[in-house]
Amino acid sequence: MRIKRDKMSDQMNIENTGFFSYVPTRLALGGFVSLVAGYFVYFAWWLGLPPTKDSGVWGSFGDFLGGVLNPLIAIAVLYYVVRTFEFQKEELKLTRQELKDTRLEHEKQTRELMKQSLEREKVTKIQRNEVLIKWLEKEIGEKNQSKLEPRSDTTEIQGHIDYINNRINELKAEISSL
């Protein structure tokens, strides 16, 4: 198996190259076929001996084949264990990169949400102050109409309105600078 990372789509593709495409597998199968073919060619054609019916001879032949094939199979297994380790190492590397990318994206999203929250908070303050200004203007208008309160109270309220208007303008400037 091979791992390919597609740079355009930033996705990982695992390409299976097939069981018989690996060199150790080919060597082990080729060695086994060569041994069996060599045995039959040597004894049947060169020596002119037919296959024996004695099980002891076949047992010795099996021991011989096992002794030759066992190291070949062990090498093939070792190769596949190393390949599996390399595959898992590459997979872990890609997983770490994806986790890092996810963490960075999460941090970016958190910053955006905090910025939006601050904007909403400032807009809410502005709206609250605008409601307060309208209420104060209404109170000033009622006091001027009724002439029950002295003129100094209306100028004091007007000072509050001016302060709130200035504060609203400051908040609007802060929001526009974001």
N, C-alpha and C. Protein backbone atom coordinates (compact mmCIF):
# COMPACT_ATOMS: atom_id res chain seq x y z
N MET A 1 0.83 -1.17 0.00
CA MET A 1 0.00 0.00 0.00
C MET A 1 0.88 1.24 0.00
N ARG A 2 0.42 2.24 -0.70
CA ARG A 2 1.11 3.52 -0.70
C ARG A 2 0.11 4.59 -0.31
N ILE A 3 0.62 5.57 0.42
CA ILE A 3 -0.22 6.70 0.80
C ILE A 3 0.17 7.86 -0.08
N LYS A 4 -0.81 8.45 -0.71
CA LYS A 4 -0.57 9.65 -1.50
C LYS A 4 -1.43 10.76 -0.94
N ARG A 5 -0.84 11.94 -0.84
CA ARG A 5 -1.60 13.09 -0.37
C ARG A 5 -1.81 14.01 -1.55
N ASP A 6 -3.06 14.22 -1.89
CA ASP A 6 -3.41 15.08 -3.00
C ASP A 6 -3.34 16.52 -2.52
N LYS A 7 -2.39 17.28 -3.06
CA LYS A 7 -2.18 18.66 -2.61
C LYS A 7 -3.35 19.57 -2.97
N MET A 8 -4.02 19.29 -4.07
CA MET A 8 -5.11 20.16 -4.50
C MET A 8 -6.32 20.02 -3.58
N SER A 9 -6.72 18.80 -3.29
CA SER A 9 -7.91 18.61 -2.47
C SER A 9 -7.55 18.40 -1.01
N ASP A 10 -6.25 18.34 -0.68
CA ASP A 10 -5.77 18.16 0.68
C ASP A 10 -6.38 16.92 1.33
N GLN A 11 -6.51 15.86 0.52
CA GLN A 11 -7.05 14.61 1.03
C GLN A 11 -6.02 13.52 0.84
N MET A 12 -6.15 12.51 1.67
CA MET A 12 -5.22 11.40 1.64
C MET A 12 -5.83 10.26 0.83
N ASN A 13 -5.07 9.72 -0.10
CA ASN A 13 -5.51 8.58 -0.90
C ASN A 13 -4.59 7.41 -0.62
N ILE A 14 -5.17 6.26 -0.34
CA ILE A 14 -4.39 5.06 -0.10
C ILE A 14 -4.49 4.21 -1.35
N GLU A 15 -3.34 3.95 -1.93
CA GLU A 15 -3.30 3.19 -3.17
C GLU A 15 -2.83 1.78 -2.86
N ASN A 16 -3.67 0.79 -3.14
CA ASN A 16 -3.30 -0.60 -2.91
C ASN A 16 -2.67 -1.12 -4.19
N THR A 17 -1.41 -1.52 -4.10
CA THR A 17 -0.70 -1.96 -5.29
C THR A 17 -0.81 -3.45 -5.52
N GLY A 18 -1.51 -4.17 -4.65
CA GLY A 18 -1.73 -5.60 -4.86
C GLY A 18 -0.74 -6.46 -4.12
N PHE A 19 -1.18 -7.66 -3.80
CA PHE A 19 -0.39 -8.60 -3.00
C PHE A 19 0.84 -9.09 -3.74
N PHE A 20 0.70 -9.39 -5.02
CA PHE A 20 1.80 -9.99 -5.77
C PHE A 20 2.77 -8.97 -6.35
N SER A 21 2.60 -7.71 -6.05
CA SER A 21 3.50 -6.70 -6.62
C SER A 21 4.73 -6.47 -5.75
N TYR A 22 4.76 -7.00 -4.56
CA TYR A 22 5.90 -6.78 -3.68
C TYR A 22 7.03 -7.76 -3.97
N VAL A 23 8.22 -7.28 -3.89
CA VAL A 23 9.42 -8.06 -4.21
C VAL A 23 9.57 -9.28 -3.31
N PRO A 24 9.42 -9.19 -1.99
CA PRO A 24 9.59 -10.39 -1.16
C PRO A 24 8.59 -11.49 -1.48
N THR A 25 7.38 -11.11 -1.81
CA THR A 25 6.38 -12.11 -2.17
C THR A 25 6.80 -12.81 -3.44
N ARG A 26 7.25 -12.06 -4.39
CA ARG A 26 7.70 -12.66 -5.65
C ARG A 26 8.90 -13.57 -5.42
N LEU A 27 9.82 -13.13 -4.57
CA LEU A 27 10.99 -13.96 -4.27
C LEU A 27 10.59 -15.27 -3.59
N ALA A 28 9.71 -15.19 -2.62
CA ALA A 28 9.29 -16.40 -1.90
C ALA A 28 8.57 -17.36 -2.84
N LEU A 29 7.64 -16.85 -3.63
CA LEU A 29 6.92 -17.73 -4.56
C LEU A 29 7.85 -18.28 -5.64
N GLY A 30 8.74 -17.43 -6.14
CA GLY A 30 9.70 -17.89 -7.15
C GLY A 30 10.65 -18.93 -6.58
N GLY A 31 11.09 -18.73 -5.35
CA GLY A 31 11.96 -19.71 -4.71
C GLY A 31 11.28 -21.04 -4.51
N PHE A 32 10.03 -21.01 -4.08
CA PHE A 32 9.28 -22.26 -3.86
C PHE A 32 9.09 -23.00 -5.18
N VAL A 33 8.65 -22.29 -6.19
CA VAL A 33 8.43 -22.93 -7.50
C VAL A 33 9.75 -23.45 -8.05
N SER A 34 10.83 -22.71 -7.89
CA SER A 34 12.15 -23.15 -8.39
C SER A 34 12.62 -24.41 -7.67
N LEU A 35 12.43 -24.47 -6.37
CA LEU A 35 12.85 -25.66 -5.62
C LEU A 35 12.07 -26.90 -6.04
N VAL A 36 10.77 -26.76 -6.13
CA VAL A 36 9.95 -27.93 -6.52
C VAL A 36 10.28 -28.33 -7.95
N ALA A 37 10.36 -27.37 -8.84
CA ALA A 37 10.67 -27.69 -10.24
C ALA A 37 12.08 -28.27 -10.35
N GLY A 38 13.03 -27.69 -9.63
CA GLY A 38 14.40 -28.20 -9.66
C GLY A 38 14.49 -29.63 -9.14
N TYR A 39 13.73 -29.92 -8.12
CA TYR A 39 13.73 -31.28 -7.57
C TYR A 39 13.24 -32.27 -8.61
N PHE A 40 12.11 -31.96 -9.21
CA PHE A 40 11.55 -32.91 -10.18
C PHE A 40 12.42 -33.00 -11.44
N VAL A 41 12.97 -31.89 -11.88
CA VAL A 41 13.83 -31.92 -13.07
C VAL A 41 15.09 -32.74 -12.78
N TYR A 42 15.71 -32.52 -11.66
CA TYR A 42 16.95 -33.22 -11.34
C TYR A 42 16.74 -34.73 -11.20
N PHE A 43 15.75 -35.10 -10.40
CA PHE A 43 15.56 -36.53 -10.15
C PHE A 43 14.83 -37.25 -11.28
N ALA A 44 13.85 -36.60 -11.87
CA ALA A 44 13.06 -37.30 -12.90
C ALA A 44 13.76 -37.31 -14.24
N TRP A 45 14.35 -36.23 -14.66
CA TRP A 45 14.93 -36.18 -16.00
C TRP A 45 16.41 -36.56 -16.02
N TRP A 46 17.20 -36.01 -15.12
CA TRP A 46 18.64 -36.28 -15.17
C TRP A 46 19.01 -37.65 -14.60
N LEU A 47 18.39 -37.98 -13.51
CA LEU A 47 18.73 -39.28 -12.92
C LEU A 47 17.79 -40.39 -13.38
N GLY A 48 16.69 -40.03 -13.97
CA GLY A 48 15.73 -41.00 -14.46
C GLY A 48 15.02 -41.76 -13.35
N LEU A 49 14.91 -41.15 -12.19
CA LEU A 49 14.25 -41.80 -11.05
C LEU A 49 12.80 -41.34 -10.97
N PRO A 50 11.88 -42.28 -10.82
CA PRO A 50 10.48 -41.89 -10.63
C PRO A 50 10.28 -41.39 -9.19
N PRO A 51 9.19 -40.63 -8.93
CA PRO A 51 8.91 -40.21 -7.55
C PRO A 51 8.75 -41.44 -6.65
N THR A 52 9.31 -41.39 -5.49
CA THR A 52 9.29 -42.54 -4.58
C THR A 52 7.98 -42.65 -3.84
N LYS A 53 7.72 -43.89 -3.38
CA LYS A 53 6.52 -44.12 -2.58
C LYS A 53 6.87 -44.23 -1.10
N ASP A 54 8.14 -44.09 -0.76
CA ASP A 54 8.59 -44.19 0.62
C ASP A 54 8.32 -42.86 1.33
N SER A 55 7.54 -42.91 2.42
CA SER A 55 7.17 -41.69 3.14
C SER A 55 8.36 -41.07 3.87
N GLY A 56 9.35 -41.84 4.22
CA GLY A 56 10.54 -41.30 4.88
C GLY A 56 11.31 -40.37 3.97
N VAL A 57 11.38 -40.73 2.68
CA VAL A 57 12.07 -39.88 1.71
C VAL A 57 11.31 -38.58 1.53
N TRP A 58 9.98 -38.69 1.46
CA TRP A 58 9.17 -37.48 1.32
C TRP A 58 9.28 -36.60 2.58
N GLY A 59 9.40 -37.23 3.73
CA GLY A 59 9.59 -36.46 4.97
C GLY A 59 10.88 -35.69 4.95
N SER A 60 11.95 -36.34 4.48
CA SER A 60 13.24 -35.64 4.36
C SER A 60 13.15 -34.49 3.37
N PHE A 61 12.45 -34.74 2.27
CA PHE A 61 12.28 -33.67 1.27
C PHE A 61 11.49 -32.51 1.86
N GLY A 62 10.46 -32.81 2.64
CA GLY A 62 9.68 -31.76 3.30
C GLY A 62 10.53 -30.96 4.27
N ASP A 63 11.39 -31.64 5.02
CA ASP A 63 12.30 -30.93 5.92
C ASP A 63 13.24 -30.01 5.14
N PHE A 64 13.72 -30.51 4.01
CA PHE A 64 14.59 -29.71 3.16
C PHE A 64 13.87 -28.45 2.67
N LEU A 65 12.65 -28.66 2.13
CA LEU A 65 11.88 -27.50 1.65
C LEU A 65 11.58 -26.53 2.78
N GLY A 66 11.19 -27.07 3.94
CA GLY A 66 10.91 -26.20 5.09
C GLY A 66 12.13 -25.41 5.51
N GLY A 67 13.29 -26.06 5.49
CA GLY A 67 14.52 -25.37 5.87
C GLY A 67 14.90 -24.26 4.91
N VAL A 68 14.58 -24.45 3.63
CA VAL A 68 14.91 -23.43 2.64
C VAL A 68 13.84 -22.33 2.61
N LEU A 69 12.57 -22.74 2.66
CA LEU A 69 11.49 -21.76 2.55
C LEU A 69 11.28 -20.96 3.83
N ASN A 70 11.57 -21.53 4.98
CA ASN A 70 11.34 -20.83 6.24
C ASN A 70 12.07 -19.49 6.29
N PRO A 71 13.35 -19.39 5.95
CA PRO A 71 14.00 -18.07 5.95
C PRO A 71 13.40 -17.12 4.92
N LEU A 72 13.02 -17.66 3.76
CA LEU A 72 12.40 -16.79 2.74
C LEU A 72 11.08 -16.23 3.24
N ILE A 73 10.29 -17.07 3.86
CA ILE A 73 9.00 -16.61 4.39
C ILE A 73 9.23 -15.63 5.54
N ALA A 74 10.21 -15.90 6.39
CA ALA A 74 10.52 -14.99 7.50
C ALA A 74 10.95 -13.62 6.99
N ILE A 75 11.75 -13.61 5.92
CA ILE A 75 12.17 -12.33 5.34
C ILE A 75 10.97 -11.59 4.77
N ALA A 76 10.08 -12.32 4.10
CA ALA A 76 8.88 -11.68 3.55
C ALA A 76 8.01 -11.12 4.66
N VAL A 77 7.84 -11.87 5.75
CA VAL A 77 7.03 -11.38 6.87
C VAL A 77 7.68 -10.15 7.50
N LEU A 78 8.99 -10.20 7.66
CA LEU A 78 9.70 -9.05 8.22
C LEU A 78 9.52 -7.82 7.33
N TYR A 79 9.58 -8.03 6.03
CA TYR A 79 9.38 -6.93 5.08
C TYR A 79 7.99 -6.32 5.27
N TYR A 80 6.97 -7.17 5.39
CA TYR A 80 5.61 -6.67 5.54
C TYR A 80 5.41 -5.99 6.89
N VAL A 81 6.08 -6.46 7.92
CA VAL A 81 5.98 -5.80 9.22
C VAL A 81 6.60 -4.40 9.14
N VAL A 82 7.74 -4.29 8.49
CA VAL A 82 8.39 -2.98 8.32
C VAL A 82 7.51 -2.06 7.48
N ARG A 83 6.94 -2.58 6.41
CA ARG A 83 6.05 -1.77 5.57
C ARG A 83 4.82 -1.30 6.35
N THR A 84 4.27 -2.17 7.18
CA THR A 84 3.12 -1.80 8.00
C THR A 84 3.51 -0.69 8.97
N PHE A 85 4.68 -0.83 9.57
CA PHE A 85 5.17 0.21 10.48
C PHE A 85 5.33 1.54 9.76
N GLU A 86 5.91 1.52 8.57
CA GLU A 86 6.08 2.75 7.79
C GLU A 86 4.73 3.35 7.41
N PHE A 87 3.80 2.49 7.04
CA PHE A 87 2.46 2.96 6.69
C PHE A 87 1.80 3.64 7.89
N GLN A 88 1.88 3.01 9.05
CA GLN A 88 1.28 3.59 10.24
C GLN A 88 1.98 4.88 10.65
N LYS A 89 3.29 4.93 10.47
CA LYS A 89 4.03 6.15 10.78
C LYS A 89 3.58 7.31 9.88
N GLU A 90 3.43 7.03 8.61
CA GLU A 90 2.96 8.06 7.67
C GLU A 90 1.52 8.48 7.99
N GLU A 91 0.70 7.50 8.33
CA GLU A 91 -0.69 7.79 8.70
C GLU A 91 -0.73 8.67 9.95
N LEU A 92 0.10 8.37 10.92
CA LEU A 92 0.16 9.17 12.14
C LEU A 92 0.65 10.59 11.84
N LYS A 93 1.61 10.71 10.96
CA LYS A 93 2.11 12.03 10.57
C LYS A 93 0.99 12.86 9.93
N LEU A 94 0.23 12.24 9.04
CA LEU A 94 -0.87 12.94 8.39
C LEU A 94 -1.97 13.29 9.39
N THR A 95 -2.22 12.39 10.33
CA THR A 95 -3.23 12.65 11.36
C THR A 95 -2.82 13.83 12.23
N ARG A 96 -1.55 13.88 12.60
CA ARG A 96 -1.05 15.01 13.39
C ARG A 96 -1.22 16.32 12.63
N GLN A 97 -0.92 16.31 11.35
CA GLN A 97 -1.07 17.52 10.55
C GLN A 97 -2.53 17.95 10.49
N GLU A 98 -3.42 16.99 10.31
CA GLU A 98 -4.85 17.31 10.27
C GLU A 98 -5.32 17.88 11.61
N LEU A 99 -4.84 17.31 12.72
CA LEU A 99 -5.20 17.83 14.03
C LEU A 99 -4.66 19.25 14.22
N LYS A 100 -3.46 19.50 13.75
CA LYS A 100 -2.89 20.84 13.84
C LYS A 100 -3.73 21.83 13.03
N ASP A 101 -4.09 21.43 11.81
CA ASP A 101 -4.92 22.30 10.96
C ASP A 101 -6.28 22.55 11.61
N THR A 102 -6.85 21.51 12.22
CA THR A 102 -8.15 21.65 12.88
C THR A 102 -8.04 22.60 14.07
N ARG A 103 -6.96 22.48 14.84
CA ARG A 103 -6.76 23.36 15.99
C ARG A 103 -6.62 24.81 15.54
N LEU A 104 -5.85 25.05 14.50
CA LEU A 104 -5.68 26.42 14.00
C LEU A 104 -7.00 26.99 13.51
N GLU A 105 -7.78 26.17 12.82
CA GLU A 105 -9.08 26.63 12.32
C GLU A 105 -10.02 26.92 13.49
N HIS A 106 -9.97 26.09 14.52
CA HIS A 106 -10.80 26.32 15.70
C HIS A 106 -10.41 27.62 16.40
N GLU A 107 -9.12 27.88 16.52
CA GLU A 107 -8.67 29.13 17.14
C GLU A 107 -9.13 30.33 16.33
N LYS A 108 -9.06 30.22 15.01
CA LYS A 108 -9.50 31.31 14.14
C LYS A 108 -11.00 31.56 14.33
N GLN A 109 -11.77 30.48 14.39
CA GLN A 109 -13.21 30.59 14.57
C GLN A 109 -13.53 31.20 15.94
N THR A 110 -12.78 30.83 16.97
CA THR A 110 -12.99 31.38 18.30
C THR A 110 -12.73 32.88 18.31
N ARG A 111 -11.67 33.31 17.64
CA ARG A 111 -11.38 34.76 17.56
C ARG A 111 -12.52 35.50 16.86
N GLU A 112 -13.02 34.92 15.77
CA GLU A 112 -14.13 35.56 15.05
C GLU A 112 -15.38 35.66 15.93
N LEU A 113 -15.67 34.60 16.67
CA LEU A 113 -16.85 34.62 17.55
C LEU A 113 -16.68 35.66 18.66
N MET A 114 -15.48 35.79 19.20
CA MET A 114 -15.24 36.80 20.23
C MET A 114 -15.42 38.20 19.65
N LYS A 115 -14.92 38.41 18.44
CA LYS A 115 -15.06 39.71 17.78
C LYS A 115 -16.54 40.03 17.56
N GLN A 116 -17.30 39.05 17.08
CA GLN A 116 -18.73 39.25 16.86
C GLN A 116 -19.45 39.54 18.17
N SER A 117 -19.04 38.85 19.23
CA SER A 117 -19.66 39.08 20.54
C SER A 117 -19.41 40.50 21.02
N LEU A 118 -18.19 40.99 20.86
CA LEU A 118 -17.89 42.37 21.25
C LEU A 118 -18.70 43.37 20.42
N GLU A 119 -18.82 43.10 19.12
CA GLU A 119 -19.61 43.99 18.27
C GLU A 119 -21.07 44.01 18.73
N ARG A 120 -21.63 42.83 19.03
CA ARG A 120 -23.02 42.77 19.49
C ARG A 120 -23.19 43.52 20.81
N GLU A 121 -22.20 43.37 21.69
CA GLU A 121 -22.27 44.05 22.98
C GLU A 121 -22.27 45.57 22.80
N LYS A 122 -21.42 46.07 21.91
CA LYS A 122 -21.36 47.52 21.67
C LYS A 122 -22.64 48.02 21.00
N VAL A 123 -23.17 47.24 20.06
CA VAL A 123 -24.42 47.63 19.40
C VAL A 123 -25.55 47.67 20.42
N THR A 124 -25.56 46.71 21.34
CA THR A 124 -26.59 46.69 22.38
C THR A 124 -26.47 47.92 23.27
N LYS A 125 -25.25 48.31 23.63
CA LYS A 125 -25.06 49.52 24.43
C LYS A 125 -25.55 50.75 23.69
N ILE A 126 -25.26 50.82 22.40
CA ILE A 126 -25.71 51.96 21.60
C ILE A 126 -27.23 52.01 21.58
N GLN A 127 -27.86 50.87 21.34
CA GLN A 127 -29.33 50.84 21.29
C GLN A 127 -29.93 51.23 22.63
N ARG A 128 -29.32 50.75 23.71
CA ARG A 128 -29.82 51.08 25.04
C ARG A 128 -29.69 52.59 25.30
N ASN A 129 -28.56 53.16 24.90
CA ASN A 129 -28.36 54.60 25.09
C ASN A 129 -29.30 55.42 24.21
N GLU A 130 -29.58 54.94 23.00
CA GLU A 130 -30.54 55.66 22.15
C GLU A 130 -31.93 55.66 22.76
N VAL A 131 -32.32 54.52 23.36
CA VAL A 131 -33.62 54.47 24.03
C VAL A 131 -33.63 55.43 25.22
N LEU A 132 -32.53 55.47 25.96
CA LEU A 132 -32.44 56.38 27.10
C LEU A 132 -32.50 57.83 26.64
N ILE A 133 -31.85 58.16 25.54
CA ILE A 133 -31.90 59.53 25.01
C ILE A 133 -33.32 59.91 24.62
N LYS A 134 -34.01 59.00 23.95
CA LYS A 134 -35.39 59.30 23.56
C LYS A 134 -36.27 59.52 24.79
N TRP A 135 -36.04 58.69 25.81
CA TRP A 135 -36.83 58.86 27.03
C TRP A 135 -36.51 60.19 27.69
N LEU A 136 -35.21 60.55 27.76
CA LEU A 136 -34.83 61.82 28.37
C LEU A 136 -35.36 63.01 27.57
N GLU A 137 -35.32 62.91 26.25
CA GLU A 137 -35.86 64.00 25.42
C GLU A 137 -37.36 64.15 25.65
N LYS A 138 -38.02 63.02 25.82
CA LYS A 138 -39.46 63.06 26.10
C LYS A 138 -39.71 63.72 27.45
N GLU A 139 -38.89 63.37 28.45
CA GLU A 139 -39.03 63.97 29.78
C GLU A 139 -38.78 65.47 29.73
N ILE A 140 -37.77 65.89 28.99
CA ILE A 140 -37.47 67.33 28.86
C ILE A 140 -38.65 68.04 28.21
N GLY A 141 -39.17 67.41 27.15
CA GLY A 141 -40.31 68.02 26.47
C GLY A 141 -41.51 68.16 27.38
N GLU A 142 -41.78 67.13 28.21
CA GLU A 142 -42.91 67.20 29.13
C GLU A 142 -42.68 68.26 30.20
N LYS A 143 -41.45 68.38 30.67
CA LYS A 143 -41.15 69.38 31.71
C LYS A 143 -41.25 70.79 31.15
N ASN A 144 -40.81 70.96 29.90
CA ASN A 144 -40.91 72.29 29.30
C ASN A 144 -42.36 72.67 29.08
N GLN A 145 -43.18 71.68 28.75
CA GLN A 145 -44.59 71.98 28.52
C GLN A 145 -45.32 72.28 29.82
N SER A 146 -45.02 71.53 30.84
CA SER A 146 -45.76 71.71 32.09
C SER A 146 -45.23 72.89 32.90
N LYS A 147 -44.00 73.30 32.68
CA LYS A 147 -43.38 74.42 33.40
C LYS A 147 -43.42 74.23 34.90
N LEU A 148 -43.52 72.96 35.36
CA LEU A 148 -43.54 72.69 36.79
C LEU A 148 -42.13 72.67 37.38
N GLU A 149 -41.19 72.27 36.62
CA GLU A 149 -39.82 72.16 37.11
C GLU A 149 -39.04 73.41 36.71
N PRO A 150 -38.05 73.75 37.48
CA PRO A 150 -37.24 74.90 37.10
C PRO A 150 -36.38 74.60 35.87
N ARG A 151 -35.93 75.62 35.25
CA ARG A 151 -35.18 75.51 34.01
C ARG A 151 -33.83 74.81 34.21
N SER A 152 -33.24 74.84 35.39
CA SER A 152 -31.93 74.23 35.65
C SER A 152 -31.99 72.70 35.51
N ASP A 153 -33.12 72.07 35.85
CA ASP A 153 -33.24 70.61 35.69
C ASP A 153 -33.16 70.21 34.23
N THR A 154 -33.80 70.98 33.38
CA THR A 154 -33.77 70.62 31.96
C THR A 154 -32.37 70.78 31.39
N THR A 155 -31.63 71.76 31.84
CA THR A 155 -30.25 71.90 31.35
C THR A 155 -29.37 70.76 31.87
N GLU A 156 -29.66 70.30 33.10
CA GLU A 156 -28.91 69.16 33.65
C GLU A 156 -29.21 67.89 32.84
N ILE A 157 -30.47 67.68 32.52
CA ILE A 157 -30.86 66.51 31.71
C ILE A 157 -30.26 66.64 30.32
N GLN A 158 -30.27 67.87 29.78
CA GLN A 158 -29.67 68.07 28.46
C GLN A 158 -28.18 67.74 28.49
N GLY A 159 -27.49 68.02 29.58
CA GLY A 159 -26.08 67.66 29.74
C GLY A 159 -25.90 66.15 29.71
N HIS A 160 -26.82 65.43 30.36
CA HIS A 160 -26.77 63.96 30.33
C HIS A 160 -26.98 63.44 28.91
N ILE A 161 -27.92 64.05 28.22
CA ILE A 161 -28.20 63.63 26.83
C ILE A 161 -26.96 63.86 25.96
N ASP A 162 -26.33 65.01 26.12
CA ASP A 162 -25.13 65.30 25.33
C ASP A 162 -24.01 64.30 25.63
N TYR A 163 -23.84 63.96 26.93
CA TYR A 163 -22.82 62.98 27.30
C TYR A 163 -23.12 61.63 26.66
N ILE A 164 -24.37 61.20 26.71
CA ILE A 164 -24.75 59.90 26.14
C ILE A 164 -24.56 59.92 24.62
N ASN A 165 -24.93 61.04 23.98
CA ASN A 165 -24.71 61.15 22.52
C ASN A 165 -23.23 61.04 22.17
N ASN A 166 -22.39 61.70 22.94
CA ASN A 166 -20.94 61.60 22.71
C ASN A 166 -20.46 60.17 22.88
N ARG A 167 -20.96 59.52 23.93
CA ARG A 167 -20.55 58.12 24.18
C ARG A 167 -21.02 57.20 23.05
N ILE A 168 -22.22 57.43 22.52
CA ILE A 168 -22.73 56.64 21.39
C ILE A 168 -21.84 56.83 20.18
N ASN A 169 -21.45 58.07 19.91
CA ASN A 169 -20.57 58.34 18.76
C ASN A 169 -19.21 57.65 18.93
N GLU A 170 -18.70 57.63 20.17
CA GLU A 170 -17.44 56.92 20.43
C GLU A 170 -17.58 55.42 20.16
N LEU A 171 -18.69 54.84 20.64
CA LEU A 171 -18.92 53.40 20.42
C LEU A 171 -19.08 53.09 18.93
N LYS A 172 -19.77 53.96 18.21
CA LYS A 172 -19.91 53.75 16.77
C LYS A 172 -18.55 53.81 16.07
N ALA A 173 -17.70 54.71 16.52
CA ALA A 173 -16.35 54.81 15.93
C ALA A 173 -15.54 53.54 16.24
N GLU A 174 -15.70 53.01 17.45
CA GLU A 174 -15.00 51.76 17.80
C GLU A 174 -15.47 50.60 16.93
N ILE A 175 -16.79 50.53 16.71
CA ILE A 175 -17.34 49.43 15.89
C ILE A 175 -16.86 49.55 14.45
N SER A 176 -16.85 50.77 13.93
CA SER A 176 -16.41 50.93 12.54
C SER A 176 -14.92 50.65 12.38
N SER A 177 -14.14 50.81 13.46
CA SER A 177 -12.70 50.51 13.37
C SER A 177 -12.44 49.01 13.40
N LEU A 178 -13.40 48.20 13.85
CA LEU A 178 -13.21 46.75 13.86
C LEU A 178 -13.32 46.25 12.46
